[in-house]
């Protein structure tokens, strides 16, 4: 029987940080980490884990990607199409705000690619795991890890390039609306 206190004190922080980097929210991270620990407990009852840190990270990434997908679905269901932003002459946002926006877009894009690709990408690019460590965690060959990461990067590039096109379209629409065009009370929330 594994010593859970030792495992969680030694390998838990790395898994928690992995989830936090994906979710960017402490409450969601705590929930995903707890779910990952419960899943690790179930795995330990079926088989002997060779790499607890890898297992916990893999499960944390899987739970985080699931959470991102749920967020995306909820956002799509509650989105409103009747609200438009009015463009003002203010300067562009500071770099940290842009970085936060890009991180948010990456989180959303990770939720749209295949789960194995998202796991491999996060473990390699965010957690700096080697191909060999990822192969052990995911129980696949090193060649398969390279293929997953390649495909993940390709899909993420496409998705993020699409978000640039979407953002440019939204900005051009916002530019066509001036403050004079928007009468008080004309912006109302449409309920779906």
Protein backbone atom coordinates (compact mmCIF):
# COMPACT_ATOMS: atom_id res chain seq x y z
CA UNK A 1 0.00 0.00 0.00
CA UNK A 2 1.50 3.37 -0.99
CA UNK A 3 2.26 6.03 1.62
CA UNK A 4 -0.07 8.79 0.44
CA UNK A 5 1.32 11.47 2.75
CA UNK A 6 4.78 10.96 1.29
CA UNK A 7 3.51 10.77 -2.30
CA UNK A 8 1.41 13.93 -1.99
CA UNK A 9 4.10 15.90 -0.18
CA UNK A 10 6.76 14.86 -2.70
CA UNK A 11 4.83 14.77 -6.00
CA UNK A 12 1.62 16.69 -5.27
CA UNK A 13 2.98 20.24 -5.65
CA UNK A 14 4.19 19.57 -9.20
CA UNK A 15 0.79 18.18 -10.20
CA UNK A 16 -1.00 21.12 -8.56
CA UNK A 17 1.23 23.64 -10.40
CA UNK A 18 0.53 21.86 -13.67
CA UNK A 19 -3.22 22.21 -13.16
CA UNK A 20 -2.87 25.82 -12.03
CA UNK A 21 -0.88 26.77 -15.12
CA UNK A 22 -3.67 25.40 -17.27
CA UNK A 23 -6.62 26.77 -15.32
CA UNK A 24 -5.26 29.99 -13.83
CA UNK A 25 -7.78 29.74 -11.00
CA UNK A 26 -7.01 28.42 -7.51
CA UNK A 27 -10.49 27.05 -6.75
CA UNK A 28 -10.71 25.08 -10.00
CA UNK A 29 -7.13 23.93 -9.56
CA UNK A 30 -7.87 22.61 -6.07
CA UNK A 31 -10.87 20.68 -7.38
CA UNK A 32 -8.92 19.22 -10.31
CA UNK A 33 -6.04 18.27 -8.04
CA UNK A 34 -8.42 16.54 -5.65
CA UNK A 35 -10.03 14.67 -8.56
CA UNK A 36 -6.57 13.69 -9.81
CA UNK A 37 -5.63 12.35 -6.38
CA UNK A 38 -8.81 10.29 -6.19
CA UNK A 39 -8.17 8.93 -9.67
CA UNK A 40 -4.58 8.05 -8.63
CA UNK A 41 -5.97 6.19 -5.65
CA UNK A 42 -8.21 4.17 -7.96
CA UNK A 43 -5.27 3.43 -10.26
CA UNK A 44 -3.16 2.30 -7.28
CA UNK A 45 -5.82 -0.23 -6.34
CA UNK A 46 -5.66 -1.78 -9.84
CA UNK A 47 -1.92 -1.69 -10.47
CA UNK A 48 1.42 -0.57 -9.09
CA UNK A 49 2.38 2.94 -10.18
CA UNK A 50 5.98 3.27 -11.33
CA UNK A 51 6.06 7.07 -11.50
CA UNK A 52 3.74 8.82 -9.07
CA UNK A 53 4.68 12.31 -10.18
CA UNK A 54 4.03 11.46 -13.80
CA UNK A 55 0.73 9.80 -12.95
CA UNK A 56 -0.47 12.71 -10.83
CA UNK A 57 0.58 15.26 -13.48
CA UNK A 58 -1.10 13.28 -16.23
CA UNK A 59 -4.33 13.00 -14.24
CA UNK A 60 -4.16 16.71 -13.29
CA UNK A 61 -3.74 17.69 -16.95
CA UNK A 62 -6.64 15.44 -17.98
CA UNK A 63 -8.93 16.91 -15.31
CA UNK A 64 -7.84 20.45 -16.17
CA UNK A 65 -8.51 19.97 -19.87
CA UNK A 66 -11.93 18.54 -19.00
CA UNK A 67 -12.61 21.62 -16.86
CA UNK A 68 -11.57 23.92 -19.72
CA UNK A 69 -13.99 22.12 -22.04
CA UNK A 70 -16.82 22.55 -19.55
CA UNK A 71 -15.99 26.26 -19.24
CA UNK A 72 -16.02 26.63 -23.01
CA UNK A 73 -19.40 24.91 -23.33
CA UNK A 74 -20.86 27.07 -20.56
CA UNK A 75 -19.49 30.23 -22.15
CA UNK A 76 -20.98 29.29 -25.53
CA UNK A 77 -24.37 28.63 -23.98
CA UNK A 78 -24.48 31.93 -22.10
CA UNK A 79 -22.90 34.15 -24.72
CA UNK A 80 -24.89 37.10 -25.92
CA UNK A 81 -24.75 38.37 -29.44
CA UNK A 82 -26.47 41.73 -28.90
CA UNK A 83 -23.71 43.43 -26.96
CA UNK A 84 -20.99 45.30 -28.81
CA UNK A 85 -18.06 47.22 -27.44
CA UNK A 86 -17.64 50.80 -28.48
CA UNK A 87 -14.15 51.59 -29.66
CA UNK A 88 -12.50 54.43 -27.85
CA UNK A 89 -9.22 56.12 -28.56
CA UNK A 90 -7.40 54.64 -25.57
CA UNK A 91 -3.96 53.08 -26.03
CA UNK A 92 -3.55 49.32 -26.32
CA UNK A 93 -3.52 47.32 -23.08
CA UNK A 94 -0.26 46.70 -21.27
CA UNK A 95 1.76 43.60 -22.06
CA UNK A 96 0.64 41.69 -18.96
CA UNK A 97 -2.99 42.05 -19.98
CA UNK A 98 -2.16 40.84 -23.48
CA UNK A 99 -0.27 37.91 -21.98
CA UNK A 100 -3.26 37.03 -19.81
CA UNK A 101 -5.50 37.15 -22.88
CA UNK A 102 -3.15 34.90 -24.83
CA UNK A 103 -2.99 32.48 -21.89
CA UNK A 104 -6.77 32.43 -21.79
CA UNK A 105 -6.93 31.75 -25.53
CA UNK A 106 -4.39 28.96 -25.12
CA UNK A 107 -6.48 27.42 -22.34
CA UNK A 108 -9.54 27.49 -24.56
CA UNK A 109 -7.62 26.06 -27.50
CA UNK A 110 -6.24 23.25 -25.33
CA UNK A 111 -9.82 22.35 -24.52
CA UNK A 112 -10.58 21.98 -28.22
CA UNK A 113 -7.79 19.58 -29.20
CA UNK A 114 -7.64 15.84 -28.53
CA UNK A 115 -7.08 15.05 -24.83
CA UNK A 116 -3.91 13.01 -25.40
CA UNK A 117 -2.46 15.83 -27.52
CA UNK A 118 -3.30 18.39 -24.82
CA UNK A 119 -1.73 16.21 -22.13
CA UNK A 120 1.47 15.63 -24.09
CA UNK A 121 1.72 19.32 -25.03
CA UNK A 122 1.22 20.52 -21.45
CA UNK A 123 3.64 18.04 -19.97
CA UNK A 124 6.34 18.94 -22.50
CA UNK A 125 5.87 22.65 -23.14
CA UNK A 126 4.53 23.83 -19.78
CA UNK A 127 6.06 21.35 -17.34
CA UNK A 128 9.32 20.76 -19.26
CA UNK A 129 8.99 16.99 -19.09
CA UNK A 130 11.19 14.98 -21.43
CA UNK A 131 9.72 12.79 -24.15
CA UNK A 132 10.78 9.76 -22.12
CA UNK A 133 8.98 11.00 -18.98
CA UNK A 134 5.85 11.73 -21.00
CA UNK A 135 6.02 8.30 -22.64
CA UNK A 136 6.17 6.68 -19.21
CA UNK A 137 3.31 8.82 -17.88
CA UNK A 138 1.03 8.24 -20.85
CA UNK A 139 2.20 4.65 -21.39
CA UNK A 140 3.03 5.20 -25.03
CA UNK A 141 6.20 5.09 -27.11
CA UNK A 142 8.58 8.02 -27.36
CA UNK A 143 7.78 8.28 -31.08
CA UNK A 144 4.08 8.56 -30.23
CA UNK A 145 4.89 11.39 -27.80
CA UNK A 146 6.66 13.31 -30.56
CA UNK A 147 3.71 12.77 -32.88
CA UNK A 148 1.20 13.93 -30.25
CA UNK A 149 3.20 17.08 -29.51
CA UNK A 150 3.62 17.83 -33.22
CA UNK A 151 -0.11 17.44 -33.84
CA UNK A 152 -0.97 19.47 -30.75
CA UNK A 153 1.25 22.34 -31.90
CA UNK A 154 -0.25 22.22 -35.38
CA UNK A 155 -3.83 22.28 -34.08
CA UNK A 156 -3.06 24.99 -31.53
CA UNK A 157 -1.44 27.14 -34.24
CA UNK A 158 -4.56 26.76 -36.38
CA UNK A 159 -6.91 27.53 -33.50
CA UNK A 160 -4.93 30.51 -32.28
CA UNK A 161 -4.55 31.86 -35.82
CA UNK A 162 -8.32 31.54 -36.11
CA UNK A 163 -8.74 33.51 -32.89
CA UNK A 164 -6.63 36.31 -34.40
CA UNK A 165 -8.93 36.40 -37.41
CA UNK A 166 -11.95 36.42 -35.10
CA UNK A 167 -10.45 39.21 -32.99
CA UNK A 168 -9.67 41.28 -36.10
CA UNK A 169 -13.24 40.81 -37.33
CA UNK A 170 -14.65 41.88 -33.95
CA UNK A 171 -12.40 44.95 -33.87
CA UNK A 172 -13.48 46.01 -37.36
CA UNK A 173 -17.14 45.65 -36.37
CA UNK A 174 -16.51 47.66 -33.22
CA UNK A 175 -14.79 50.37 -35.28
CA UNK A 176 -17.90 50.77 -37.41
CA UNK A 177 -19.97 51.56 -34.34
CA UNK A 178 -19.42 55.04 -32.97
CA UNK A 179 -20.63 56.48 -29.70
CA UNK A 180 -23.19 58.57 -31.61
CA UNK A 181 -24.68 55.39 -33.10
CA UNK A 182 -25.40 53.97 -29.68
CA UNK A 183 -28.37 55.61 -28.02
CA UNK A 184 -28.86 55.21 -24.27
CA UNK A 185 -30.75 52.00 -23.58
CA UNK A 186 -30.15 50.65 -27.07
CA UNK A 187 -27.75 48.02 -25.77
CA UNK A 188 -29.84 45.36 -24.13
CA UNK A 189 -28.99 41.87 -23.09
CA UNK A 190 -30.66 39.22 -25.20
CA UNK A 191 -31.62 36.06 -23.40
CA UNK A 192 -31.34 32.77 -25.26
